[in-house]
Protein backbone atom coordinates (compact mmCIF):
# COMPACT_ATOMS: atom_id res chain seq x y z
CA MET A 1 -12.08 9.83 15.35
CA GLU A 2 -12.50 12.70 17.79
CA TYR A 3 -10.07 15.06 16.10
CA LYS A 4 -10.67 17.19 13.04
CA ILE A 5 -8.29 16.11 10.29
CA ALA A 6 -7.41 17.45 6.85
CA TRP A 7 -5.50 15.48 4.23
CA PHE A 8 -3.70 17.07 1.28
CA THR A 9 -2.72 15.10 -1.85
CA GLU A 10 -2.23 15.65 -5.57
CA GLY A 11 -5.81 14.45 -6.12
CA ASN A 12 -7.84 17.15 -7.82
CA TRP A 13 -10.93 16.90 -5.62
CA THR A 14 -12.29 18.33 -2.37
CA GLY A 15 -14.50 16.71 0.25
CA LYS A 16 -14.96 13.47 2.19
CA VAL A 17 -14.75 9.84 1.02
CA PRO A 18 -18.13 8.05 1.31
CA ARG A 19 -18.16 4.43 2.42
CA ASN A 20 -19.62 3.29 -0.91
CA HIS A 21 -16.86 4.89 -2.99
CA PRO A 22 -16.30 2.55 -5.99
CA ASN A 23 -12.53 3.08 -6.00
CA MET A 24 -11.83 2.49 -2.31
CA ARG A 25 -8.09 2.08 -2.61
CA ASN A 26 -5.84 2.12 0.44
CA ASP A 27 -5.56 5.90 0.61
CA MET A 28 -9.30 6.35 0.18
CA ALA A 29 -9.96 3.81 2.95
CA TRP A 30 -7.70 5.78 5.29
CA MET A 31 -9.46 9.04 4.50
CA HIS A 32 -12.90 7.52 4.97
CA THR A 33 -11.98 5.94 8.30
CA PHE A 34 -10.44 9.17 9.63
CA ASP A 35 -13.46 11.15 8.32
CA VAL A 36 -11.02 13.67 6.89
CA ASP A 37 -11.59 16.66 4.67
CA HIS A 38 -9.49 16.16 1.55
CA TYR A 39 -7.99 19.06 -0.41
CA PRO A 40 -5.69 19.30 -3.43
CA ILE A 41 -2.19 20.01 -2.20
CA ASN A 42 -1.90 23.25 -4.17
CA THR A 43 -4.96 24.79 -2.49
CA VAL A 44 -3.84 24.68 1.16
CA HIS A 45 -3.15 28.43 1.15
CA GLN A 46 -6.82 29.08 0.34
CA ILE A 47 -8.34 27.02 3.19
CA THR A 48 -10.00 28.96 6.00
CA ASP A 49 -11.16 26.07 8.23
CA LYS A 50 -9.00 25.08 11.20
CA TYR A 51 -7.86 21.51 11.95
CA ASP A 52 -6.27 19.55 14.75
CA ILE A 53 -4.14 17.54 12.32
CA GLY A 54 -3.03 18.12 8.75
CA ILE A 55 -1.48 15.29 6.72
CA VAL A 56 0.21 15.70 3.37
CA THR A 57 1.04 12.92 0.93
CA LEU A 58 3.91 14.30 -1.11
CA PRO A 59 3.55 13.16 -4.74
CA LYS A 60 6.28 11.34 -6.66
CA THR A 61 6.18 13.83 -9.56
CA ASN A 62 5.90 17.59 -10.21
CA ILE A 63 8.24 18.26 -7.30
CA ASP A 64 9.75 21.21 -9.18
CA MET A 65 6.44 23.09 -8.90
CA LEU A 66 5.60 21.89 -5.40
CA SER A 67 8.99 22.96 -4.06
CA GLN A 68 8.08 26.56 -4.93
CA TYR A 69 4.79 26.36 -3.04
CA PRO A 70 4.48 27.64 0.58
CA LEU A 71 3.37 24.23 1.83
CA ILE A 72 4.66 24.21 5.40
CA GLU A 73 3.64 27.79 6.10
CA SER A 74 0.14 27.11 4.75
CA MET A 75 -0.29 23.87 6.71
CA LYS A 76 0.87 25.41 9.98
CA ARG A 77 -1.51 28.31 9.53
CA ILE A 78 -4.58 26.03 9.72
CA CYS A 79 -3.37 22.92 11.60
CA LYS A 80 -2.23 22.42 15.18
CA LYS A 81 -0.09 19.42 14.18
CA ILE A 82 1.26 18.61 10.74
CA GLY A 83 2.58 15.35 9.35
CA THR A 84 3.34 13.52 6.16
CA MET A 85 2.29 10.12 4.82
CA GLN A 86 4.84 8.03 2.92
CA GLU A 87 4.13 7.65 -0.81
CA GLY A 88 5.93 4.77 -2.51
CA PRO A 89 9.30 3.41 -1.33
CA SER A 90 11.21 5.38 1.29
CA TRP A 91 14.17 5.94 -1.05
CA TYR A 92 12.12 7.43 -3.88
CA PHE A 93 13.13 11.04 -3.20
CA GLN A 94 16.78 10.17 -3.84
CA ASP A 95 16.03 9.96 -7.56
CA TYR A 96 15.22 13.70 -7.55
CA PRO A 97 17.72 16.41 -8.54
CA MET A 98 19.91 17.48 -5.61
CA ASP A 99 17.97 20.67 -4.82
CA GLN A 100 14.70 18.73 -4.68
CA GLN A 101 16.23 16.07 -2.42
CA ILE A 102 17.20 18.81 0.02
CA TRP A 103 13.73 20.35 -0.25
CA PHE A 104 12.11 16.97 0.48
CA TYR A 105 14.32 16.40 3.51
CA ASN A 106 13.61 19.90 4.82
CA VAL A 107 9.87 19.26 4.52
CA LEU A 108 10.24 16.09 6.61
CA MET A 109 12.21 18.05 9.22
CA GLU A 110 9.38 20.59 9.54
CA MET A 111 6.83 17.89 10.34
CA ASP A 112 5.56 17.03 13.81
CA PHE A 113 5.25 13.36 12.80
CA ILE A 114 5.75 10.95 9.91
CA TRP A 115 3.43 8.11 8.95
CA CYS A 116 4.86 5.23 6.94
CA HIS A 117 3.92 1.85 5.47
CA ASN A 118 6.04 -0.79 7.22
CA LYS A 119 8.16 -1.41 10.29
CA ILE A 120 11.30 -1.19 8.16
CA ASP A 121 10.15 2.20 6.83
CA LYS A 122 9.62 3.42 10.39
CA LYS A 123 13.23 2.56 11.20
CA TYR A 124 14.38 4.38 8.07
CA TYR A 125 12.51 7.62 8.71
CA LYS A 126 13.37 7.56 12.40
CA GLY A 127 17.03 7.30 11.52
CA LEU A 128 16.75 9.90 8.77
CA THR A 129 14.95 12.57 10.78
CA LYS A 130 14.82 11.59 14.49
CA LYS A 131 11.14 12.51 14.26
CA LYS A 132 8.18 10.68 15.78
CA CYS A 133 7.34 7.96 13.22
CA TYR A 134 4.35 5.62 13.15
CA VAL A 135 3.21 2.79 10.89
CA ASN A 136 -0.14 3.58 9.26
CA PRO A 137 -1.24 0.05 8.28
CA THR A 138 -2.63 -0.80 4.86
CA LEU A 139 -6.43 -0.94 5.02
CA MET A 140 -9.35 -2.48 3.13
CA ILE A 141 -13.02 -1.51 3.45
CA GLU A 142 -14.87 -4.77 2.88
CA ASP A 143 -18.55 -3.77 2.71
CA PHE A 144 -19.10 -3.93 -1.04
CA ILE A 145 -16.74 -6.77 -1.96
CA LYS A 146 -18.29 -9.92 -3.43
CA PRO A 147 -16.43 -13.05 -4.59
CA LYS A 148 -16.42 -13.83 -8.29
CA VAL A 149 -16.21 -17.58 -7.63
CA GLU A 150 -16.39 -19.90 -4.64
CA PRO A 151 -13.03 -20.99 -3.13
CA GLY A 152 -13.33 -24.52 -4.55
CA ALA A 153 -13.61 -23.18 -8.09
CA ARG A 154 -10.40 -21.13 -8.00
CA SER A 155 -7.74 -21.70 -10.63
CA GLY A 156 -4.68 -20.03 -12.14
CA VAL A 157 -1.90 -17.94 -10.63
CA ILE A 158 -1.78 -14.17 -10.55
CA ILE A 159 1.43 -12.18 -10.35
CA GLY A 160 1.38 -8.76 -8.76
CA GLY A 161 2.86 -6.47 -11.39
CA ASN A 162 4.35 -5.89 -14.79
CA MET A 163 7.71 -6.65 -16.43
CA VAL A 164 9.76 -3.87 -14.82
CA ARG A 165 12.21 -3.84 -11.94
CA TRP A 166 9.80 -1.79 -9.83
CA TYR A 167 7.38 -4.75 -9.68
CA GLY A 168 9.85 -7.59 -10.27
CA GLY A 169 7.38 -8.96 -12.78
CA PHE A 170 9.82 -11.18 -14.65
CA ASP A 171 10.91 -12.93 -11.46
CA SER A 172 7.28 -13.46 -10.48
CA TYR A 173 6.55 -14.83 -13.96
CA ILE A 174 9.39 -17.38 -13.76
CA VAL A 175 8.23 -18.63 -10.35
CA ALA A 176 4.57 -18.64 -11.42
CA GLN A 177 5.44 -21.12 -14.19
CA GLU A 178 6.10 -23.73 -11.50
CA PHE A 179 2.34 -24.04 -10.94
CA ASP A 180 1.76 -25.37 -14.50
CA THR A 181 -1.39 -23.33 -14.86
CA GLU A 182 -2.53 -20.17 -16.62
CA ILE A 183 -0.75 -16.99 -15.47
CA PHE A 184 -2.54 -13.66 -15.03
CA ALA A 185 -1.37 -10.15 -14.23
CA PRO A 186 -3.01 -6.76 -13.66
CA SER A 187 -2.40 -3.94 -16.13
CA MET A 188 -0.46 -1.34 -14.14
CA GLY A 189 0.79 2.08 -15.15
CA ARG A 190 4.32 0.75 -15.74
CA LYS A 191 3.31 -1.93 -18.24
CA ILE A 192 5.86 -2.00 -21.06
CA GLU A 193 5.81 -2.58 -24.83
CA ARG A 194 5.57 -6.20 -26.00
CA GLU A 195 4.58 -7.42 -22.55
CA ASP A 196 1.38 -8.73 -24.12
CA GLU A 197 3.53 -11.20 -26.08
CA MET A 198 4.37 -13.08 -22.86
CA GLU A 199 2.32 -16.13 -21.89
CA ILE A 200 0.31 -13.99 -19.50
CA THR A 201 -3.34 -12.98 -19.55
CA HIS A 202 -3.41 -9.29 -18.65
CA LEU A 203 -6.49 -8.09 -16.82
CA PRO A 204 -8.05 -4.80 -17.97
CA TYR A 205 -7.98 -1.70 -15.79
CA MET A 206 -10.73 -1.92 -13.17
CA SER A 207 -12.14 0.05 -10.27
CA TRP A 208 -10.89 -1.11 -6.88
CA VAL A 209 -14.08 -2.98 -5.98
CA GLU A 210 -14.07 -4.74 -9.37
CA TRP A 211 -10.41 -5.70 -8.92
CA ILE A 212 -10.92 -7.26 -5.49
CA SER A 213 -13.90 -9.24 -6.74
CA HIS A 214 -11.97 -10.42 -9.81
CA LEU A 215 -9.00 -11.44 -7.66
CA SER A 216 -11.12 -14.00 -5.79
CA GLN A 217 -11.02 -16.44 -8.74
CA PHE A 218 -7.27 -17.19 -8.53
CA LYS A 219 -5.74 -20.06 -6.60
CA TYR A 220 -2.15 -18.79 -6.14
CA GLY A 221 -0.37 -15.46 -5.91
CA VAL A 222 3.26 -14.53 -6.59
CA HIS A 223 4.53 -11.01 -5.96
CA LEU A 224 8.32 -10.80 -6.00
CA MET A 225 8.32 -7.01 -5.93
CA PRO A 226 11.61 -5.57 -4.63
CA THR A 227 10.04 -2.16 -4.10
CA VAL A 228 8.82 -1.93 -0.49
CA ALA A 229 5.66 0.17 -0.28
CA ALA A 230 2.05 -0.31 0.91
CA GLY A 231 1.81 -4.02 0.09
CA THR A 232 -1.78 -3.90 -1.12
CA PHE A 233 -1.54 -6.85 -3.52
CA THR A 234 -0.42 -9.36 -0.93
CA LEU A 235 -3.04 -8.02 1.51
CA ASN A 236 -5.77 -8.36 -1.11
CA CYS A 237 -4.70 -11.98 -1.65
CA ALA A 238 -4.80 -12.62 2.10
CA TYR A 239 -8.36 -11.30 2.28
CA TRP A 240 -9.51 -14.15 0.02
CA GLY A 241 -7.12 -16.70 1.53
CA ILE A 242 -5.00 -16.88 -1.62
CA PRO A 243 -1.48 -17.99 -0.62
CA CYS A 244 1.02 -15.45 -1.94
CA ILE A 245 4.79 -15.89 -2.26
CA GLY A 246 6.61 -12.60 -1.68
CA TYR A 247 9.63 -10.81 -0.26
CA GLU A 248 10.25 -9.80 3.33
CA GLY A 249 10.02 -6.09 4.18
CA LEU A 250 6.29 -5.73 3.57
CA ASP A 251 4.29 -6.01 6.78
CA THR A 252 1.31 -7.31 4.82
CA GLN A 253 3.41 -10.14 3.38
CA SER A 254 5.29 -11.20 6.50
CA ARG A 255 2.22 -11.06 8.74
CA CYS A 256 -0.37 -12.61 6.43
CA HIS A 257 1.86 -15.12 4.60
CA PRO A 258 4.71 -15.81 7.07
CA GLN A 259 5.71 -19.22 5.67
CA LEU A 260 5.64 -17.89 2.09
CA THR A 261 7.85 -14.88 2.81
CA ILE A 262 11.35 -15.15 1.38
CA LYS A 263 14.56 -13.16 1.43
CA ILE A 264 15.15 -10.74 -1.43
CA ASN A 265 16.21 -12.48 -4.67
CA ASP A 266 15.89 -16.00 -3.22
CA LEU A 267 14.14 -17.40 -6.31
CA LYS A 268 15.32 -20.91 -5.49
CA HIS A 269 13.25 -20.92 -2.29
CA ALA A 270 10.36 -19.25 -4.12
CA ARG A 271 10.29 -22.12 -6.65
CA GLU A 272 10.36 -24.67 -3.83
CA LEU A 273 7.41 -22.99 -2.12
CA ALA A 274 5.47 -22.88 -5.38
CA ASN A 275 5.93 -26.61 -5.88
CA LYS A 276 4.92 -27.32 -2.31
CA LEU A 277 1.75 -25.26 -2.68
CA LYS A 278 0.96 -27.11 -5.91
CA ASN A 279 1.66 -30.64 -4.65
CA ASP A 280 0.88 -30.57 -0.92
CA ILE A 281 -2.83 -29.97 -0.35
CA GLY A 282 -2.40 -29.77 3.43
CA PHE A 283 0.30 -27.11 3.08
CA TYR A 284 -1.84 -25.11 0.66
CA GLU A 285 -4.88 -25.20 2.95
CA ALA A 286 -2.79 -24.21 5.98
CA GLN A 287 -1.37 -21.19 4.13
CA SER A 288 -4.82 -20.18 2.92
CA GLU A 289 -6.27 -20.35 6.43
CA THR A 290 -3.30 -18.51 7.94
CA ALA A 291 -3.66 -15.70 5.40
CA LYS A 292 -7.37 -15.20 6.13
CA ASN A 293 -6.93 -15.37 9.89
CA ASN A 294 -3.96 -13.01 9.99
CA PHE A 295 -5.71 -10.56 7.73
CA ASN A 296 -8.42 -10.20 10.37
CA VAL A 297 -6.00 -10.16 13.30
CA PHE A 298 -3.55 -7.58 11.93
CA PHE A 299 -5.39 -5.68 9.20
CA GLY A 300 -9.10 -5.81 9.94
CA GLU A 301 -10.91 -2.47 10.12
CA LYS A 302 -11.62 -2.73 13.86
CA GLU A 303 -7.97 -3.39 14.63
CA TYR A 304 -6.98 -0.50 12.37
CA ILE A 305 -9.29 1.96 14.14
CA TYR A 306 -8.09 0.81 17.56
CA THR A 307 -4.43 1.17 16.58
CA MET A 308 -4.71 4.50 14.81
CA ASN A 309 -6.86 6.07 17.52
CA LYS A 310 -3.95 5.50 19.87
CA VAL A 311 -1.51 6.91 17.32
CA ILE A 312 -3.54 10.07 16.77
CA LYS A 313 -3.90 10.68 20.50
CA GLU A 314 -0.15 10.31 20.87
CA VAL A 315 0.43 12.69 17.96
CA MET A 316 -1.75 15.33 19.60
CA ASN A 317 0.02 14.96 22.93
CA GLU A 318 3.55 14.96 21.51
CA THR A 319 5.78 18.00 21.14
CA ASN A 320 8.65 17.39 18.74
């Protein structure tokens, strides 16, 4: 990237993201690829360096404190262009108290641009603000990923979240039972009491690299998550060629697993697809190959850099 970029989040660290970072989640991959300088969001007023672009990821919590902070003034002091990156579902801010909803909206209206997760999110923010909006695709850095097993040795089905509405875990669990095999799930921050009593093997918390490696051992994926956000789980499955049944709205799902993408709440079709994956070897292999190919076409690192270079150049040339 030819422009100097700063990124501000609730993360309590300063500096750049090295390529061998052990927890190279989506946000870390973005920051590494942009070669940004990262700062904690509450330190922007102290920064003396100047930047072409400043991006802020507004956190989901502690908005009461952040709303008292001179964020916009501080960003504009050091950055030629300022923007925000979507965090979580687009509607999340509407769960805030009324004064914080207004604050959040006013922050968006002060931005030169908005980056978001999916095409549907772009339409939302464009309609909400009339600002320049761009999709910042979900990204994986693949250098240090190694498979746990070979594709022929895969078994079991993994669901993408826990037993809460946010993840739709119960729906995923019901559909996963159609495979007649052991069911696994990651341990997320929203895991609830007594969830361990379900017929599910919960994976321990892992670093990102460990998680991706561990994921390679599963044969099927089900992620009926109604919350539209970054779509990392379904993208991670696509990387290994693991067919994943999921809802429309996520770009990672609809692009990598087009024939396994269903309308919201259509569990009947989800069960039918699960049975077809289980019983039709040709269908399974076609979905696996499609997922791997489309991962490279739409979400490979080279494609990401090409796409976002154009976006950044447009951002720098735009006057909102």
